[in-house]
Amino acid sequence: MANVSATYFTASSRPFLRPPPPPPIYLPKKTFQLSNKTTAKMTIPLSTISTFRTTFNPFLRSARPCRLILSLLRNPTTTPASSPGHIDIKVTQLPRSSTQEPELTIGFKNGKELKIEVGKRQMKIGDVVEEIARVGRAIEREEALKS
């Protein structure tokens, strides 16, 4: 028999060949599909919002706008109570068997409240963002005119 020896390569004897890292991913601004089939980039003026209340069943498809708005509003600038942009957020999650429709209540700094019945009106995320942004811009305009 012939004497056969196997050669094993280790990290110290041969450098590992790794594929190059993937290029960085740059995410675009959030785009929302509005009800009139146009795409728009909406920004919600967070400085005008003081409270956010929502009630929804997380298992319903109609609760999707509530969940997405909640994820947009819960961020490091709005979470701590000591920050100037703090938003008081209260969430009520309904049980799976609940038939109550999802709804949002947004309180603004000037005392106005906007109640959106997302489930009854069959709203999508773009519609909700558009409605909140419309009221928020009006409040910003009022404050700018006062000062």
C-alpha atoms as a PDB file:
ATOM      1  CA  MET A   1       0.000   0.000   0.000  1.00  0.00           C
ATOM      2  CA  ALA A   2       1.031   3.473  -0.766  1.00  0.00           C
ATOM      3  CA  ASN A   3       1.526   5.861   2.075  1.00  0.00           C
ATOM      4  CA  VAL A   4      -1.112   8.610   1.605  1.00  0.00           C
ATOM      5  CA  SER A   5      -1.208  11.583   3.911  1.00  0.00           C
ATOM      6  CA  ALA A   6      -3.988  14.144   3.948  1.00  0.00           C
ATOM      7  CA  THR A   7      -3.193  17.802   4.207  1.00  0.00           C
ATOM      8  CA  TYR A   8      -5.557  20.010   6.159  1.00  0.00           C
ATOM      9  CA  PHE A   9      -5.517  23.751   5.753  1.00  0.00           C
ATOM     10  CA  THR A  10      -6.105  25.849   8.814  1.00  0.00           C
ATOM     11  CA  ALA A  11      -6.525  29.547   9.279  1.00  0.00           C
ATOM     12  CA  SER A  12      -2.870  29.936  10.184  1.00  0.00           C
ATOM     13  CA  SER A  13      -1.548  28.160   7.097  1.00  0.00           C
ATOM     14  CA  ARG A  14      -3.884  29.670   4.471  1.00  0.00           C
ATOM     15  CA  PRO A  15      -6.024  32.802   4.583  1.00  0.00           C
ATOM     16  CA  PHE A  16      -9.745  32.308   4.260  1.00  0.00           C
ATOM     17  CA  LEU A  17     -11.330  33.644   1.127  1.00  0.00           C
ATOM     18  CA  ARG A  18     -14.502  35.471   2.020  1.00  0.00           C
ATOM     19  CA  PRO A  19     -16.915  37.078  -0.383  1.00  0.00           C
ATOM     20  CA  PRO A  20     -16.964  40.867  -0.268  1.00  0.00           C
ATOM     21  CA  PRO A  21     -19.587  42.388   2.036  1.00  0.00           C
ATOM     22  CA  PRO A  22     -22.836  43.437   0.381  1.00  0.00           C
ATOM     23  CA  PRO A  23     -23.235  47.116  -0.427  1.00  0.00           C
ATOM     24  CA  PRO A  24     -25.031  49.192   2.228  1.00  0.00           C
ATOM     25  CA  ILE A  25     -28.778  49.481   1.875  1.00  0.00           C
ATOM     26  CA  TYR A  26     -30.178  52.970   1.889  1.00  0.00           C
ATOM     27  CA  LEU A  27     -33.867  53.014   2.643  1.00  0.00           C
ATOM     28  CA  PRO A  28     -35.982  55.655   0.922  1.00  0.00           C
ATOM     29  CA  LYS A  29     -38.402  57.853   2.806  1.00  0.00           C
ATOM     30  CA  LYS A  30     -41.595  56.095   3.706  1.00  0.00           C
ATOM     31  CA  THR A  31     -44.015  56.183   0.825  1.00  0.00           C
ATOM     32  CA  PHE A  32     -47.657  55.479   1.338  1.00  0.00           C
ATOM     33  CA  GLN A  33     -50.246  54.470  -1.200  1.00  0.00           C
ATOM     34  CA  LEU A  34     -53.120  56.901  -0.927  1.00  0.00           C
ATOM     35  CA  SER A  35     -56.700  56.046  -1.752  1.00  0.00           C
ATOM     36  CA  ASN A  36     -56.652  57.908  -5.076  1.00  0.00           C
ATOM     37  CA  LYS A  37     -53.869  55.596  -6.306  1.00  0.00           C
ATOM     38  CA  THR A  38     -51.119  58.190  -6.133  1.00  0.00           C
ATOM     39  CA  THR A  39     -47.975  57.743  -4.125  1.00  0.00           C
ATOM     40  CA  ALA A  40     -47.036  60.516  -1.737  1.00  0.00           C
ATOM     41  CA  LYS A  41     -44.337  61.104   0.824  1.00  0.00           C
ATOM     42  CA  MET A  42     -46.071  62.311   3.939  1.00  0.00           C
ATOM     43  CA  THR A  43     -44.518  63.683   7.076  1.00  0.00           C
ATOM     44  CA  ILE A  44     -46.411  63.950  10.308  1.00  0.00           C
ATOM     45  CA  PRO A  45     -45.498  67.071  12.319  1.00  0.00           C
ATOM     46  CA  LEU A  46     -44.662  65.265  15.572  1.00  0.00           C
ATOM     47  CA  SER A  47     -44.104  68.532  17.433  1.00  0.00           C
ATOM     48  CA  THR A  48     -47.856  69.216  17.349  1.00  0.00           C
ATOM     49  CA  ILE A  49     -48.948  65.852  18.810  1.00  0.00           C
ATOM     50  CA  SER A  50     -49.231  65.521  22.600  1.00  0.00           C
ATOM     51  CA  THR A  51     -51.229  62.305  23.116  1.00  0.00           C
ATOM     52  CA  PHE A  52     -51.964  59.177  21.134  1.00  0.00           C
ATOM     53  CA  ARG A  53     -54.607  56.629  22.099  1.00  0.00           C
ATOM     54  CA  THR A  54     -55.454  53.538  20.100  1.00  0.00           C
ATOM     55  CA  THR A  55     -57.684  50.522  20.550  1.00  0.00           C
ATOM     56  CA  PHE A  56     -57.334  47.594  18.177  1.00  0.00           C
ATOM     57  CA  ASN A  57     -57.407  43.837  17.782  1.00  0.00           C
ATOM     58  CA  PRO A  58     -53.901  42.974  16.509  1.00  0.00           C
ATOM     59  CA  PHE A  59     -55.231  39.940  14.644  1.00  0.00           C
ATOM     60  CA  LEU A  60     -57.499  41.929  12.322  1.00  0.00           C
ATOM     61  CA  ARG A  61     -56.309  43.208   8.964  1.00  0.00           C
ATOM     62  CA  SER A  62     -58.217  46.455   9.519  1.00  0.00           C
ATOM     63  CA  ALA A  63     -55.950  47.185  12.526  1.00  0.00           C
ATOM     64  CA  ARG A  64     -52.856  47.469  10.340  1.00  0.00           C
ATOM     65  CA  PRO A  65     -52.931  51.302  10.141  1.00  0.00           C
ATOM     66  CA  CYS A  66     -53.121  51.484  13.952  1.00  0.00           C
ATOM     67  CA  ARG A  67     -50.092  49.234  14.336  1.00  0.00           C
ATOM     68  CA  LEU A  68     -48.077  51.131  11.725  1.00  0.00           C
ATOM     69  CA  ILE A  69     -48.880  54.586  13.132  1.00  0.00           C
ATOM     70  CA  LEU A  70     -47.935  53.282  16.574  1.00  0.00           C
ATOM     71  CA  SER A  71     -44.584  52.083  15.241  1.00  0.00           C
ATOM     72  CA  LEU A  72     -44.005  55.478  13.587  1.00  0.00           C
ATOM     73  CA  LEU A  73     -44.771  57.413  16.773  1.00  0.00           C
ATOM     74  CA  ARG A  74     -42.812  55.217  19.186  1.00  0.00           C
ATOM     75  CA  ASN A  75     -39.248  56.332  18.669  1.00  0.00           C
ATOM     76  CA  PRO A  76     -36.400  57.550  20.905  1.00  0.00           C
ATOM     77  CA  THR A  77     -37.369  61.225  20.566  1.00  0.00           C
ATOM     78  CA  THR A  78     -40.978  60.706  21.668  1.00  0.00           C
ATOM     79  CA  THR A  79     -40.491  58.046  24.356  1.00  0.00           C
ATOM     80  CA  PRO A  80     -38.774  59.741  27.331  1.00  0.00           C
ATOM     81  CA  ALA A  81     -41.081  61.981  29.355  1.00  0.00           C
ATOM     82  CA  SER A  82     -38.297  64.529  29.818  1.00  0.00           C
ATOM     83  CA  SER A  83     -37.866  65.161  26.091  1.00  0.00           C
ATOM     84  CA  PRO A  84     -39.637  68.189  24.589  1.00  0.00           C
ATOM     85  CA  GLY A  85     -41.193  66.059  21.849  1.00  0.00           C
ATOM     86  CA  HIS A  86     -42.717  63.556  24.290  1.00  0.00           C
ATOM     87  CA  ILE A  87     -45.960  61.921  23.146  1.00  0.00           C
ATOM     88  CA  ASP A  88     -48.148  60.239  25.771  1.00  0.00           C
ATOM     89  CA  ILE A  89     -49.035  56.895  24.145  1.00  0.00           C
ATOM     90  CA  LYS A  90     -51.725  54.571  25.466  1.00  0.00           C
ATOM     91  CA  VAL A  91     -52.527  51.320  23.638  1.00  0.00           C
ATOM     92  CA  THR A  92     -55.445  48.980  24.299  1.00  0.00           C
ATOM     93  CA  GLN A  93     -55.115  45.614  22.608  1.00  0.00           C
ATOM     94  CA  LEU A  94     -58.380  43.754  22.301  1.00  0.00           C
ATOM     95  CA  PRO A  95     -58.663  39.951  22.528  1.00  0.00           C
ATOM     96  CA  ARG A  96     -58.751  37.864  19.369  1.00  0.00           C
ATOM     97  CA  SER A  97     -62.496  37.214  19.696  1.00  0.00           C
ATOM     98  CA  SER A  98     -63.367  40.933  19.895  1.00  0.00           C
ATOM     99  CA  THR A  99     -65.505  42.464  17.150  1.00  0.00           C
ATOM    100  CA  GLN A 100     -64.826  46.096  18.114  1.00  0.00           C
ATOM    101  CA  GLU A 101     -63.464  48.167  15.233  1.00  0.00           C
ATOM    102  CA  PRO A 102     -59.986  49.731  15.567  1.00  0.00           C
ATOM    103  CA  GLU A 103     -59.782  53.453  16.296  1.00  0.00           C
ATOM    104  CA  LEU A 104     -57.197  56.172  16.902  1.00  0.00           C
ATOM    105  CA  THR A 105     -57.456  59.304  19.015  1.00  0.00           C
ATOM    106  CA  ILE A 106     -54.744  61.905  18.560  1.00  0.00           C
ATOM    107  CA  GLY A 107     -54.525  64.849  20.955  1.00  0.00           C
ATOM    108  CA  PHE A 108     -52.729  67.945  19.718  1.00  0.00           C
ATOM    109  CA  LYS A 109     -50.843  70.554  21.771  1.00  0.00           C
ATOM    110  CA  ASN A 110     -53.493  73.240  21.278  1.00  0.00           C
ATOM    111  CA  GLY A 111     -56.178  71.021  22.858  1.00  0.00           C
ATOM    112  CA  LYS A 112     -57.804  69.708  19.688  1.00  0.00           C
ATOM    113  CA  GLU A 113     -58.533  66.000  19.430  1.00  0.00           C
ATOM    114  CA  LEU A 114     -58.829  63.969  16.265  1.00  0.00           C
ATOM    115  CA  LYS A 115     -60.730  60.686  16.515  1.00  0.00           C
ATOM    116  CA  ILE A 116     -60.337  58.382  13.525  1.00  0.00           C
ATOM    117  CA  GLU A 117     -62.472  55.259  13.288  1.00  0.00           C
ATOM    118  CA  VAL A 118     -60.123  53.273  11.089  1.00  0.00           C
ATOM    119  CA  GLY A 119     -62.236  50.110  10.942  1.00  0.00           C
ATOM    120  CA  LYS A 120     -65.572  51.743  10.127  1.00  0.00           C
ATOM    121  CA  ARG A 121     -64.118  53.939   7.393  1.00  0.00           C
ATOM    122  CA  GLN A 122     -61.901  51.131   5.976  1.00  0.00           C
ATOM    123  CA  MET A 123     -58.886  53.467   5.978  1.00  0.00           C
ATOM    124  CA  LYS A 124     -55.412  52.551   4.816  1.00  0.00           C
ATOM    125  CA  ILE A 125     -52.152  53.784   6.324  1.00  0.00           C
ATOM    126  CA  GLY A 126     -51.756  56.553   3.734  1.00  0.00           C
ATOM    127  CA  ASP A 127     -55.228  57.881   4.483  1.00  0.00           C
ATOM    128  CA  VAL A 128     -54.520  57.979   8.225  1.00  0.00           C
ATOM    129  CA  VAL A 129     -51.142  59.679   7.781  1.00  0.00           C
ATOM    130  CA  GLU A 130     -52.691  62.196   5.387  1.00  0.00           C
ATOM    131  CA  GLU A 131     -55.450  63.048   7.874  1.00  0.00           C
ATOM    132  CA  ILE A 132     -53.065  63.462  10.833  1.00  0.00           C
ATOM    133  CA  ALA A 133     -50.609  65.494   8.738  1.00  0.00           C
ATOM    134  CA  ARG A 134     -53.396  67.765   7.468  1.00  0.00           C
ATOM    135  CA  VAL A 135     -54.532  68.663  10.993  1.00  0.00           C
ATOM    136  CA  GLY A 136     -50.935  68.939  12.233  1.00  0.00           C
ATOM    137  CA  ARG A 137     -49.992  71.347   9.435  1.00  0.00           C
ATOM    138  CA  ALA A 138     -53.054  73.490  10.190  1.00  0.00           C
ATOM    139  CA  ILE A 139     -52.006  73.706  13.849  1.00  0.00           C
ATOM    140  CA  GLU A 140     -48.427  74.592  12.859  1.00  0.00           C
ATOM    141  CA  ARG A 141     -49.786  77.325  10.592  1.00  0.00           C
ATOM    142  CA  GLU A 142     -51.916  78.750  13.441  1.00  0.00           C
ATOM    143  CA  GLU A 143     -48.903  78.810  15.779  1.00  0.00           C
ATOM    144  CA  ALA A 144     -46.763  80.516  13.135  1.00  0.00           C
ATOM    145  CA  LEU A 145     -49.399  83.214  12.618  1.00  0.00           C
ATOM    146  CA  LYS A 146     -49.686  83.867  16.377  1.00  0.00           C
ATOM    147  CA  SER A 147     -45.962  84.460  16.824  1.00  0.00           C
END
